[in-house]
PDB file of all heavy atoms in Angstrom:
ATOM      1  N   GLU A   1      -2.555  16.328   3.190  1.00  0.00           N
ATOM      2  CA  GLU A   1      -2.658  15.117   2.370  1.00  0.00           C
ATOM      3  C   GLU A   1      -1.406  14.250   2.493  1.00  0.00           C
ATOM      4  O   GLU A   1      -1.494  13.027   2.503  1.00  0.00           O
ATOM      5  CB  GLU A   1      -2.896  15.480   0.898  1.00  0.00           C
ATOM      6  CG  GLU A   1      -4.272  16.038   0.609  1.00  0.00           C
ATOM      7  CD  GLU A   1      -5.365  14.998   0.756  1.00  0.00           C
ATOM      8  OE1 GLU A   1      -5.115  13.806   0.479  1.00  0.00           O
ATOM      9  OE2 GLU A   1      -6.479  15.385   1.148  1.00  0.00           O
ATOM     10  N   THR A   2      -0.247  14.899   2.586  1.00  0.00           N
ATOM     11  CA  THR A   2       0.999  14.141   2.717  1.00  0.00           C
ATOM     12  C   THR A   2       1.040  13.378   4.026  1.00  0.00           C
ATOM     13  O   THR A   2       1.463  12.217   4.061  1.00  0.00           O
ATOM     14  CB  THR A   2       2.208  15.091   2.624  1.00  0.00           C
ATOM     15  OG1 THR A   2       2.138  15.812   1.398  1.00  0.00           O
ATOM     16  CG2 THR A   2       3.516  14.330   2.689  1.00  0.00           C
ATOM     17  N   MET A   3       0.571  13.992   5.092  1.00  0.00           N
ATOM     18  CA  MET A   3       0.545  13.306   6.388  1.00  0.00           C
ATOM     19  C   MET A   3      -0.400  12.112   6.345  1.00  0.00           C
ATOM     20  O   MET A   3      -0.082  11.037   6.859  1.00  0.00           O
ATOM     21  CB  MET A   3       0.144  14.272   7.502  1.00  0.00           C
ATOM     22  CG  MET A   3       1.215  15.289   7.803  1.00  0.00           C
ATOM     23  SD  MET A   3       0.937  16.379   9.239  1.00  0.00           S
ATOM     24  CE  MET A   3      -0.787  16.410   9.493  1.00  0.00           C
ATOM     25  N   VAL A   4      -1.557  12.270   5.721  1.00  0.00           N
ATOM     26  CA  VAL A   4      -2.508  11.161   5.608  1.00  0.00           C
ATOM     27  C   VAL A   4      -1.918  10.052   4.745  1.00  0.00           C
ATOM     28  O   VAL A   4      -2.046   8.868   5.055  1.00  0.00           O
ATOM     29  CB  VAL A   4      -3.857  11.657   5.038  1.00  0.00           C
ATOM     30  CG1 VAL A   4      -4.797  10.501   4.794  1.00  0.00           C
ATOM     31  CG2 VAL A   4      -4.498  12.671   5.973  1.00  0.00           C
ATOM     32  N   PHE A   5      -1.224  10.436   3.657  1.00  0.00           N
ATOM     33  CA  PHE A   5      -0.567   9.459   2.797  1.00  0.00           C
ATOM     34  C   PHE A   5       0.470   8.649   3.577  1.00  0.00           C
ATOM     35  O   PHE A   5       0.517   7.419   3.487  1.00  0.00           O
ATOM     36  CB  PHE A   5       0.086  10.179   1.616  1.00  0.00           C
ATOM     37  CG  PHE A   5       0.994   9.315   0.790  1.00  0.00           C
ATOM     38  CD1 PHE A   5       0.479   8.301   0.003  1.00  0.00           C
ATOM     39  CD2 PHE A   5       2.355   9.514   0.799  1.00  0.00           C
ATOM     40  CE1 PHE A   5       1.317   7.507  -0.766  1.00  0.00           C
ATOM     41  CE2 PHE A   5       3.199   8.735   0.041  1.00  0.00           C
ATOM     42  CZ  PHE A   5       2.672   7.725  -0.752  1.00  0.00           C
ATOM     43  N   ILE A   6       1.300   9.332   4.340  1.00  0.00           N
ATOM     44  CA  ILE A   6       2.327   8.644   5.131  1.00  0.00           C
ATOM     45  C   ILE A   6       1.680   7.707   6.153  1.00  0.00           C
ATOM     46  O   ILE A   6       2.119   6.567   6.324  1.00  0.00           O
ATOM     47  CB  ILE A   6       3.262   9.672   5.810  1.00  0.00           C
ATOM     48  CG1 ILE A   6       4.098  10.388   4.749  1.00  0.00           C
ATOM     49  CG2 ILE A   6       4.160   9.009   6.847  1.00  0.00           C
ATOM     50  CD1 ILE A   6       4.875  11.578   5.261  1.00  0.00           C
ATOM     51  N   ASN A   7       0.640   8.165   6.817  1.00  0.00           N
ATOM     52  CA  ASN A   7      -0.056   7.315   7.791  1.00  0.00           C
ATOM     53  C   ASN A   7      -0.646   6.083   7.123  1.00  0.00           C
ATOM     54  O   ASN A   7      -0.574   4.976   7.667  1.00  0.00           O
ATOM     55  CB  ASN A   7      -1.147   8.102   8.518  1.00  0.00           C
ATOM     56  CG  ASN A   7      -0.573   9.105   9.487  1.00  0.00           C
ATOM     57  OD1 ASN A   7       0.554   8.975   9.952  1.00  0.00           O
ATOM     58  ND2 ASN A   7      -1.346  10.135   9.798  1.00  0.00           N
ATOM     59  N   GLU A   8      -1.243   6.251   5.942  1.00  0.00           N
ATOM     60  CA  GLU A   8      -1.796   5.103   5.225  1.00  0.00           C
ATOM     61  C   GLU A   8      -0.700   4.117   4.852  1.00  0.00           C
ATOM     62  O   GLU A   8      -0.878   2.908   4.976  1.00  0.00           O
ATOM     63  CB  GLU A   8      -2.523   5.559   3.961  1.00  0.00           C
ATOM     64  CG  GLU A   8      -3.892   6.119   4.217  1.00  0.00           C
ATOM     65  CD  GLU A   8      -4.605   6.491   2.928  1.00  0.00           C
ATOM     66  OE1 GLU A   8      -4.166   6.082   1.827  1.00  0.00           O
ATOM     67  OE2 GLU A   8      -5.610   7.212   3.023  1.00  0.00           O
ATOM     68  N   CYS A   9       0.436   4.629   4.385  1.00  0.00           N
ATOM     69  CA  CYS A   9       1.528   3.750   3.963  1.00  0.00           C
ATOM     70  C   CYS A   9       2.122   2.981   5.135  1.00  0.00           C
ATOM     71  O   CYS A   9       2.504   1.814   4.982  1.00  0.00           O
ATOM     72  CB  CYS A   9       2.612   4.553   3.258  1.00  0.00           C
ATOM     73  SG  CYS A   9       2.125   5.115   1.631  1.00  0.00           S
ATOM     74  N   THR A  10       2.207   3.606   6.293  1.00  0.00           N
ATOM     75  CA  THR A  10       2.782   2.902   7.445  1.00  0.00           C
ATOM     76  C   THR A  10       1.844   1.827   7.966  1.00  0.00           C
ATOM     77  O   THR A  10       2.299   0.884   8.614  1.00  0.00           O
ATOM     78  CB  THR A  10       3.134   3.878   8.584  1.00  0.00           C
ATOM     79  OG1 THR A  10       1.972   4.607   8.964  1.00  0.00           O
ATOM     80  CG2 THR A  10       4.227   4.841   8.155  1.00  0.00           C
ATOM     81  N   GLU A  11       0.562   1.932   7.664  1.00  0.00           N
ATOM     82  CA  GLU A  11      -0.406   0.928   8.108  1.00  0.00           C
ATOM     83  C   GLU A  11      -0.461  -0.283   7.183  1.00  0.00           C
ATOM     84  O   GLU A  11      -1.013  -1.318   7.542  1.00  0.00           O
ATOM     85  CB  GLU A  11      -1.803   1.550   8.193  1.00  0.00           C
ATOM     86  CG  GLU A  11      -1.914   2.722   9.150  1.00  0.00           C
ATOM     87  CD  GLU A  11      -1.988   2.283  10.602  1.00  0.00           C
ATOM     88  OE1 GLU A  11      -2.553   1.202  10.853  1.00  0.00           O
ATOM     89  OE2 GLU A  11      -1.481   3.023  11.454  1.00  0.00           O
ATOM     90  N   LEU A  12       0.094  -0.166   5.976  1.00  0.00           N
ATOM     91  CA  LEU A  12       0.021  -1.259   5.004  1.00  0.00           C
ATOM     92  C   LEU A  12       0.977  -2.382   5.372  1.00  0.00           C
ATOM     93  O   LEU A  12       2.057  -2.165   5.905  1.00  0.00           O
ATOM     94  CB  LEU A  12       0.359  -0.747   3.602  1.00  0.00           C
ATOM     95  CG  LEU A  12      -0.637   0.211   2.968  1.00  0.00           C
ATOM     96  CD1 LEU A  12      -0.075   0.733   1.655  1.00  0.00           C
ATOM     97  CD2 LEU A  12      -1.981  -0.455   2.752  1.00  0.00           C
ATOM     98  N   ARG A  13       0.573  -3.586   5.048  1.00  0.00           N
ATOM     99  CA  ARG A  13       1.415  -4.779   5.205  1.00  0.00           C
ATOM    100  C   ARG A  13       1.540  -5.416   3.832  1.00  0.00           C
ATOM    101  O   ARG A  13       0.654  -5.299   3.004  1.00  0.00           O
ATOM    102  CB  ARG A  13       0.788  -5.774   6.181  1.00  0.00           C
ATOM    103  CG  ARG A  13       0.541  -5.213   7.562  1.00  0.00           C
ATOM    104  CD  ARG A  13       1.857  -4.956   8.285  1.00  0.00           C
ATOM    105  NE  ARG A  13       1.618  -4.360   9.587  1.00  0.00           N
ATOM    106  CZ  ARG A  13       1.968  -3.134   9.917  1.00  0.00           C
ATOM    107  NH1 ARG A  13       2.544  -2.362   9.042  1.00  0.00           N
ATOM    108  NH2 ARG A  13       1.742  -2.660  11.117  1.00  0.00           N
ATOM    109  N   TYR A  14       2.654  -6.084   3.593  1.00  0.00           N
ATOM    110  CA  TYR A  14       2.810  -6.733   2.297  1.00  0.00           C
ATOM    111  C   TYR A  14       3.247  -8.174   2.469  1.00  0.00           C
ATOM    112  O   TYR A  14       3.783  -8.574   3.499  1.00  0.00           O
ATOM    113  CB  TYR A  14       3.802  -5.973   1.416  1.00  0.00           C
ATOM    114  CG  TYR A  14       5.260  -6.144   1.816  1.00  0.00           C
ATOM    115  CD1 TYR A  14       6.040  -7.104   1.197  1.00  0.00           C
ATOM    116  CD2 TYR A  14       5.842  -5.342   2.782  1.00  0.00           C
ATOM    117  CE1 TYR A  14       7.364  -7.275   1.556  1.00  0.00           C
ATOM    118  CE2 TYR A  14       7.155  -5.492   3.137  1.00  0.00           C
ATOM    119  CZ  TYR A  14       7.920  -6.462   2.520  1.00  0.00           C
ATOM    120  OH  TYR A  14       9.229  -6.623   2.873  1.00  0.00           O
ATOM    121  N   GLU A  15       2.977  -8.967   1.442  1.00  0.00           N
ATOM    122  CA  GLU A  15       3.470 -10.338   1.395  1.00  0.00           C
ATOM    123  C   GLU A  15       4.008 -10.592   0.000  1.00  0.00           C
ATOM    124  O   GLU A  15       3.474 -10.095  -0.987  1.00  0.00           O
ATOM    125  CB  GLU A  15       2.369 -11.336   1.741  1.00  0.00           C
ATOM    126  CG  GLU A  15       1.227 -11.366   0.765  1.00  0.00           C
ATOM    127  CD  GLU A  15       0.133 -12.338   1.182  1.00  0.00           C
ATOM    128  OE1 GLU A  15      -0.183 -12.406   2.381  1.00  0.00           O
ATOM    129  OE2 GLU A  15      -0.382 -13.012   0.280  1.00  0.00           O
ATOM    130  N   LYS A  16       5.101 -11.341  -0.071  1.00  0.00           N
ATOM    131  CA  LYS A  16       5.686 -11.667  -1.365  1.00  0.00           C
ATOM    132  C   LYS A  16       4.882 -12.797  -1.989  1.00  0.00           C
ATOM    133  O   LYS A  16       4.498 -13.753  -1.319  1.00  0.00           O
ATOM    134  CB  LYS A  16       7.139 -12.084  -1.203  1.00  0.00           C
ATOM    135  CG  LYS A  16       8.034 -10.945  -0.775  1.00  0.00           C
ATOM    136  CD  LYS A  16       9.472 -11.385  -0.698  1.00  0.00           C
ATOM    137  CE  LYS A  16      10.341 -10.218  -0.266  1.00  0.00           C
ATOM    138  NZ  LYS A  16      11.744 -10.583  -0.209  1.00  0.00           N
ATOM    139  N   MET A  17       4.644 -12.662  -3.285  1.00  0.00           N
ATOM    140  CA  MET A  17       3.904 -13.676  -4.017  1.00  0.00           C
ATOM    141  C   MET A  17       4.843 -14.825  -4.375  1.00  0.00           C
ATOM    142  O   MET A  17       6.034 -14.621  -4.589  1.00  0.00           O
ATOM    143  CB  MET A  17       3.289 -13.090  -5.288  1.00  0.00           C
ATOM    144  CG  MET A  17       2.380 -11.893  -5.032  1.00  0.00           C
ATOM    145  SD  MET A  17       0.982 -12.274  -3.983  1.00  0.00           S
ATOM    146  CE  MET A  17       0.071 -13.327  -5.067  1.00  0.00           C
ATOM    147  N   ASP A  18       4.314 -16.024  -4.447  1.00  0.00           N
ATOM    148  CA  ASP A  18       5.114 -17.199  -4.794  1.00  0.00           C
ATOM    149  C   ASP A  18       5.610 -17.108  -6.233  1.00  0.00           C
ATOM    150  O   ASP A  18       4.879 -16.705  -7.127  1.00  0.00           O
ATOM    151  CB  ASP A  18       4.291 -18.475  -4.632  1.00  0.00           C
ATOM    152  CG  ASP A  18       3.917 -18.715  -3.176  1.00  0.00           C
ATOM    153  OD1 ASP A  18       4.651 -18.234  -2.293  1.00  0.00           O
ATOM    154  OD2 ASP A  18       2.889 -19.377  -2.930  1.00  0.00           O
ATOM    155  N   ASN A  19       6.831 -17.496  -6.442  1.00  0.00           N
ATOM    156  CA  ASN A  19       7.434 -17.608  -7.774  1.00  0.00           C
ATOM    157  C   ASN A  19       7.402 -16.320  -8.597  1.00  0.00           C
ATOM    158  O   ASN A  19       7.290 -16.363  -9.810  1.00  0.00           O
ATOM    159  CB  ASN A  19       6.764 -18.732  -8.571  1.00  0.00           C
ATOM    160  CG  ASN A  19       6.925 -20.072  -7.899  1.00  0.00           C
ATOM    161  OD1 ASN A  19       7.944 -20.333  -7.264  1.00  0.00           O
ATOM    162  ND2 ASN A  19       5.930 -20.921  -8.019  1.00  0.00           N
ATOM    163  N   SER A  20       7.449 -15.176  -7.980  1.00  0.00           N
ATOM    164  CA  SER A  20       7.537 -13.925  -8.735  1.00  0.00           C
ATOM    165  C   SER A  20       8.122 -12.844  -7.833  1.00  0.00           C
ATOM    166  O   SER A  20       8.301 -13.035  -6.639  1.00  0.00           O
ATOM    167  CB  SER A  20       6.166 -13.500  -9.261  1.00  0.00           C
ATOM    168  OG  SER A  20       5.394 -12.954  -8.222  1.00  0.00           O
ATOM    169  N   SER A  21       8.389 -11.700  -8.429  1.00  0.00           N
ATOM    170  CA  SER A  21       8.910 -10.583  -7.650  1.00  0.00           C
ATOM    171  C   SER A  21       7.784  -9.657  -7.197  1.00  0.00           C
ATOM    172  O   SER A  21       8.046  -8.617  -6.612  1.00  0.00           O
ATOM    173  CB  SER A  21       9.933  -9.805  -8.473  1.00  0.00           C
ATOM    174  OG  SER A  21       9.304  -9.271  -9.620  1.00  0.00           O
ATOM    175  N   ALA A  22       6.541 -10.043  -7.461  1.00  0.00           N
ATOM    176  CA  ALA A  22       5.389  -9.213  -7.101  1.00  0.00           C
ATOM    177  C   ALA A  22       5.101  -9.307  -5.601  1.00  0.00           C
ATOM    178  O   ALA A  22       5.459 -10.278  -4.934  1.00  0.00           O
ATOM    179  CB  ALA A  22       4.163  -9.649  -7.883  1.00  0.00           C
ATOM    180  N   ILE A  23       4.458  -8.266  -5.100  1.00  0.00           N
ATOM    181  CA  ILE A  23       4.017  -8.266  -3.707  1.00  0.00           C
ATOM    182  C   ILE A  23       2.522  -7.973  -3.674  1.00  0.00           C
ATOM    183  O   ILE A  23       1.964  -7.427  -4.617  1.00  0.00           O
ATOM    184  CB  ILE A  23       4.775  -7.223  -2.855  1.00  0.00           C
ATOM    185  CG1 ILE A  23       4.534  -5.804  -3.389  1.00  0.00           C
ATOM    186  CG2 ILE A  23       6.250  -7.534  -2.766  1.00  0.00           C
ATOM    187  CD1 ILE A  23       5.051  -4.721  -2.472  1.00  0.00           C
ATOM    188  N   ARG A  24       1.880  -8.353  -2.606  1.00  0.00           N
ATOM    189  CA  ARG A  24       0.467  -8.050  -2.398  1.00  0.00           C
ATOM    190  C   ARG A  24       0.359  -7.162  -1.167  1.00  0.00           C
ATOM    191  O   ARG A  24       0.883  -7.482  -0.101  1.00  0.00           O
ATOM    192  CB  ARG A  24      -0.322  -9.332  -2.184  1.00  0.00           C
ATOM    193  CG  ARG A  24      -1.788  -9.058  -1.842  1.00  0.00           C
ATOM    194  CD  ARG A  24      -2.576 -10.316  -1.707  1.00  0.00           C
ATOM    195  NE  ARG A  24      -2.760 -10.811  -3.071  1.00  0.00           N
ATOM    196  CZ  ARG A  24      -3.035 -12.068  -3.353  1.00  0.00           C
ATOM    197  NH1 ARG A  24      -3.128 -12.955  -2.397  1.00  0.00           N
ATOM    198  NH2 ARG A  24      -3.202 -12.451  -4.600  1.00  0.00           N
ATOM    199  N   LEU A  25      -0.304  -6.040  -1.322  1.00  0.00           N
ATOM    200  CA  LEU A  25      -0.507  -5.124  -0.207  1.00  0.00           C
ATOM    201  C   LEU A  25      -1.813  -5.431   0.490  1.00  0.00           C
ATOM    202  O   LEU A  25      -2.817  -5.715  -0.150  1.00  0.00           O
ATOM    203  CB  LEU A  25      -0.551  -3.673  -0.703  1.00  0.00           C
ATOM    204  CG  LEU A  25       0.751  -3.092  -1.204  1.00  0.00           C
ATOM    205  CD1 LEU A  25       0.514  -1.707  -1.770  1.00  0.00           C
ATOM    206  CD2 LEU A  25       1.776  -3.030  -0.106  1.00  0.00           C
ATOM    207  N   LYS A  26      -1.770  -5.370   1.804  1.00  0.00           N
ATOM    208  CA  LYS A  26      -2.976  -5.584   2.599  1.00  0.00           C
ATOM    209  C   LYS A  26      -3.116  -4.435   3.579  1.00  0.00           C
ATOM    210  O   LYS A  26      -2.147  -3.993   4.176  1.00  0.00           O
ATOM    211  CB  LYS A  26      -2.911  -6.897   3.360  1.00  0.00           C
ATOM    212  CG  LYS A  26      -2.953  -8.115   2.477  1.00  0.00           C
ATOM    213  CD  LYS A  26      -3.034  -9.378   3.298  1.00  0.00           C
ATOM    214  CE  LYS A  26      -3.176 -10.561   2.373  1.00  0.00           C
ATOM    215  NZ  LYS A  26      -3.387 -11.790   3.135  1.00  0.00           N
ATOM    216  N   GLU A  27      -4.329  -3.959   3.705  1.00  0.00           N
ATOM    217  CA  GLU A  27      -4.603  -2.907   4.678  1.00  0.00           C
ATOM    218  C   GLU A  27      -5.435  -3.496   5.809  1.00  0.00           C
ATOM    219  O   GLU A  27      -6.059  -4.540   5.654  1.00  0.00           O
ATOM    220  CB  GLU A  27      -5.323  -1.730   4.024  1.00  0.00           C
ATOM    221  CG  GLU A  27      -6.755  -1.995   3.598  1.00  0.00           C
ATOM    222  CD  GLU A  27      -6.871  -2.642   2.223  1.00  0.00           C
ATOM    223  OE1 GLU A  27      -5.855  -2.899   1.580  1.00  0.00           O
ATOM    224  OE2 GLU A  27      -8.001  -2.905   1.823  1.00  0.00           O
ATOM    225  N   GLN A  28      -5.408  -2.818   6.939  1.00  0.00           N
ATOM    226  CA  GLN A  28      -6.235  -3.254   8.051  1.00  0.00           C
ATOM    227  C   GLN A  28      -7.697  -3.044   7.674  1.00  0.00           C
ATOM    228  O   GLN A  28      -8.016  -2.347   6.713  1.00  0.00           O
ATOM    229  CB  GLN A  28      -5.896  -2.464   9.307  1.00  0.00           C
ATOM    230  CG  GLN A  28      -4.492  -2.721   9.809  1.00  0.00           C
ATOM    231  CD  GLN A  28      -4.167  -1.872  11.015  1.00  0.00           C
ATOM    232  OE1 GLN A  28      -4.940  -1.021  11.429  1.00  0.00           O
ATOM    233  NE2 GLN A  28      -2.995  -2.099  11.592  1.00  0.00           N
ATOM    234  N   SER A  29      -8.592  -3.639   8.416  1.00  0.00           N
ATOM    235  CA  SER A  29     -10.010  -3.567   8.063  1.00  0.00           C
ATOM    236  C   SER A  29     -10.514  -2.130   7.973  1.00  0.00           C
ATOM    237  O   SER A  29     -11.400  -1.823   7.187  1.00  0.00           O
ATOM    238  CB  SER A  29     -10.846  -4.350   9.069  1.00  0.00           C
ATOM    239  OG  SER A  29     -10.690  -3.796  10.361  1.00  0.00           O
ATOM    240  N   SER A  30      -9.972  -1.231   8.765  1.00  0.00           N
ATOM    241  CA  SER A  30     -10.399   0.166   8.714  1.00  0.00           C
ATOM    242  C   SER A  30      -9.492   1.016   7.821  1.00  0.00           C
ATOM    243  O   SER A  30      -9.696   2.206   7.687  1.00  0.00           O
ATOM    244  CB  SER A  30     -10.413   0.764  10.125  1.00  0.00           C
ATOM    245  OG  SER A  30      -9.101   0.751  10.655  1.00  0.00           O
ATOM    246  N   GLY A  31      -8.486   0.396   7.202  1.00  0.00           N
ATOM    247  CA  GLY A  31      -7.501   1.143   6.433  1.00  0.00           C
ATOM    248  C   GLY A  31      -7.845   1.258   4.963  1.00  0.00           C
ATOM    249  O   GLY A  31      -8.812   0.675   4.471  1.00  0.00           O
ATOM    250  N   ARG A  32      -7.034   2.035   4.270  1.00  0.00           N
ATOM    251  CA  ARG A  32      -7.181   2.238   2.842  1.00  0.00           C
ATOM    252  C   ARG A  32      -5.802   2.230   2.203  1.00  0.00           C
ATOM    253  O   ARG A  32      -4.803   2.419   2.871  1.00  0.00           O
ATOM    254  CB  ARG A  32      -7.855   3.581   2.558  1.00  0.00           C
ATOM    255  CG  ARG A  32      -9.172   3.754   3.254  1.00  0.00           C
ATOM    256  CD  ARG A  32      -9.694   5.124   3.045  1.00  0.00           C
ATOM    257  NE  ARG A  32     -10.587   5.083   1.892  1.00  0.00           N
ATOM    258  CZ  ARG A  32     -11.204   6.130   1.408  1.00  0.00           C
ATOM    259  NH1 ARG A  32     -10.987   7.313   1.927  1.00  0.00           N
ATOM    260  NH2 ARG A  32     -12.010   6.016   0.385  1.00  0.00           N
ATOM    261  N   LYS A  33      -5.774   2.021   0.906  1.00  0.00           N
ATOM    262  CA  LYS A  33      -4.508   2.109   0.174  1.00  0.00           C
ATOM    263  C   LYS A  33      -4.670   2.911  -1.113  1.00  0.00           C
ATOM    264  O   LYS A  33      -3.881   2.810  -2.026  1.00  0.00           O
ATOM    265  CB  LYS A  33      -3.944   0.726  -0.109  1.00  0.00           C
ATOM    266  CG  LYS A  33      -4.851  -0.212  -0.866  1.00  0.00           C
ATOM    267  CD  LYS A  33      -4.223  -1.579  -0.981  1.00  0.00           C
ATOM    268  CE  LYS A  33      -5.234  -2.541  -1.597  1.00  0.00           C
ATOM    269  NZ  LYS A  33      -4.785  -3.890  -1.551  1.00  0.00           N
ATOM    270  N   ASP A  34      -5.694   3.739  -1.168  1.00  0.00           N
ATOM    271  CA  ASP A  34      -5.982   4.532  -2.362  1.00  0.00           C
ATOM    272  C   ASP A  34      -4.850   5.470  -2.721  1.00  0.00           C
ATOM    273  O   ASP A  34      -4.449   5.558  -3.885  1.00  0.00           O
ATOM    274  CB  ASP A  34      -7.257   5.353  -2.172  1.00  0.00           C
ATOM    275  CG  ASP A  34      -8.468   4.502  -1.901  1.00  0.00           C
ATOM    276  OD1 ASP A  34      -8.413   3.290  -2.178  1.00  0.00           O
ATOM    277  OD2 ASP A  34      -9.476   5.049  -1.415  1.00  0.00           O
ATOM    278  N   ARG A  35      -4.345   6.189  -1.770  1.00  0.00           N
ATOM    279  CA  ARG A  35      -3.279   7.158  -2.045  1.00  0.00           C
ATOM    280  C   ARG A  35      -2.001   6.454  -2.484  1.00  0.00           C
ATOM    281  O   ARG A  35      -1.317   6.901  -3.393  1.00  0.00           O
ATOM    282  CB  ARG A  35      -3.027   8.034  -0.822  1.00  0.00           C
ATOM    283  CG  ARG A  35      -4.126   9.044  -0.569  1.00  0.00           C
ATOM    284  CD  ARG A  35      -3.842   9.884   0.675  1.00  0.00           C
ATOM    285  NE  ARG A  35      -4.873  10.855   0.900  1.00  0.00           N
ATOM    286  CZ  ARG A  35      -5.980  10.614   1.600  1.00  0.00           C
ATOM    287  NH1 ARG A  35      -6.175   9.433   2.145  1.00  0.00           N
ATOM    288  NH2 ARG A  35      -6.892  11.556   1.755  1.00  0.00           N
ATOM    289  N   TYR A  36      -1.685   5.338  -1.835  1.00  0.00           N
ATOM    290  CA  TYR A  36      -0.497   4.581  -2.218  1.00  0.00           C
ATOM    291  C   TYR A  36      -0.605   4.112  -3.662  1.00  0.00           C
ATOM    292  O   TYR A  36       0.335   4.261  -4.447  1.00  0.00           O
ATOM    293  CB  TYR A  36      -0.275   3.377  -1.291  1.00  0.00           C
ATOM    294  CG  TYR A  36       0.868   2.519  -1.761  1.00  0.00           C
ATOM    295  CD1 TYR A  36       2.171   2.840  -1.426  1.00  0.00           C
ATOM    296  CD2 TYR A  36       0.648   1.416  -2.574  1.00  0.00           C
ATOM    297  CE1 TYR A  36       3.236   2.081  -1.879  1.00  0.00           C
ATOM    298  CE2 TYR A  36       1.694   0.652  -3.043  1.00  0.00           C
ATOM    299  CZ  TYR A  36       2.988   0.986  -2.685  1.00  0.00           C
ATOM    300  OH  TYR A  36       4.028   0.241  -3.149  1.00  0.00           O
ATOM    301  N   VAL A  37      -1.743   3.554  -4.028  1.00  0.00           N
ATOM    302  CA  VAL A  37      -1.939   3.051  -5.387  1.00  0.00           C
ATOM    303  C   VAL A  37      -1.857   4.200  -6.393  1.00  0.00           C
ATOM    304  O   VAL A  37      -1.253   4.062  -7.459  1.00  0.00           O
ATOM    305  CB  VAL A  37      -3.270   2.280  -5.508  1.00  0.00           C
ATOM    306  CG1 VAL A  37      -3.583   1.932  -6.941  1.00  0.00           C
ATOM    307  CG2 VAL A  37      -3.230   1.026  -4.658  1.00  0.00           C
ATOM    308  N   SER A  38      -2.427   5.348  -6.063  1.00  0.00           N
ATOM    309  CA  SER A  38      -2.362   6.503  -6.960  1.00  0.00           C
ATOM    310  C   SER A  38      -0.931   6.955  -7.183  1.00  0.00           C
ATOM    311  O   SER A  38      -0.523   7.227  -8.319  1.00  0.00           O
ATOM    312  CB  SER A  38      -3.182   7.660  -6.391  1.00  0.00           C
ATOM    313  OG  SER A  38      -4.531   7.330  -6.324  1.00  0.00           O
ATOM    314  N   VAL A  39      -0.155   7.046  -6.125  1.00  0.00           N
ATOM    315  CA  VAL A  39       1.244   7.461  -6.248  1.00  0.00           C
ATOM    316  C   VAL A  39       2.049   6.408  -7.010  1.00  0.00           C
ATOM    317  O   VAL A  39       2.859   6.737  -7.878  1.00  0.00           O
ATOM    318  CB  VAL A  39       1.862   7.739  -4.859  1.00  0.00           C
ATOM    319  CG1 VAL A  39       3.366   7.931  -4.945  1.00  0.00           C
ATOM    320  CG2 VAL A  39       1.211   8.950  -4.225  1.00  0.00           C
ATOM    321  N   ALA A  40       1.811   5.135  -6.726  1.00  0.00           N
ATOM    322  CA  ALA A  40       2.524   4.064  -7.415  1.00  0.00           C
ATOM    323  C   ALA A  40       2.216   4.074  -8.908  1.00  0.00           C
ATOM    324  O   ALA A  40       3.119   3.925  -9.740  1.00  0.00           O
ATOM    325  CB  ALA A  40       2.167   2.712  -6.808  1.00  0.00           C
ATOM    326  N   MET A  41       0.959   4.253  -9.284  1.00  0.00           N
ATOM    327  CA  MET A  41       0.589   4.298 -10.698  1.00  0.00           C
ATOM    328  C   MET A  41       1.179   5.535 -11.375  1.00  0.00           C
ATOM    329  O   MET A  41       1.604   5.473 -12.527  1.00  0.00           O
ATOM    330  CB  MET A  41      -0.928   4.267 -10.860  1.00  0.00           C
ATOM    331  CG  MET A  41      -1.549   2.941 -10.475  1.00  0.00           C
ATOM    332  SD  MET A  41      -0.943   1.564 -11.464  1.00  0.00           S
ATOM    333  CE  MET A  41      -1.614   1.961 -13.062  1.00  0.00           C
ATOM    334  N   GLY A  42       1.211   6.657 -10.666  1.00  0.00           N
ATOM    335  CA  GLY A  42       1.828   7.862 -11.216  1.00  0.00           C
ATOM    336  C   GLY A  42       3.314   7.666 -11.463  1.00  0.00           C
ATOM    337  O   GLY A  42       3.842   8.079 -12.503  1.00  0.00           O
ATOM    338  N   CYS A  43       3.993   7.018 -10.531  1.00  0.00           N
ATOM    339  CA  CYS A  43       5.429   6.737 -10.700  1.00  0.00           C
ATOM    340  C   CYS A  43       5.657   5.771 -11.859  1.00  0.00           C
ATOM    341  O   CYS A  43       6.593   5.942 -12.648  1.00  0.00           O
ATOM    342  CB  CYS A  43       6.007   6.160  -9.411  1.00  0.00           C
ATOM    343  SG  CYS A  43       6.151   7.363  -8.088  1.00  0.00           S
TER     344      CYS A  43
END
């Protein structure tokens, strides 16, 4: 699971949102960000 998590995270791209410190994550069409979001929410 850790290897899959790392692979998912390396495939993600981000962009900074205008006028804030927030970022938006984007995955490739075949990608996912479920594990990243789960870990981020847990943290």
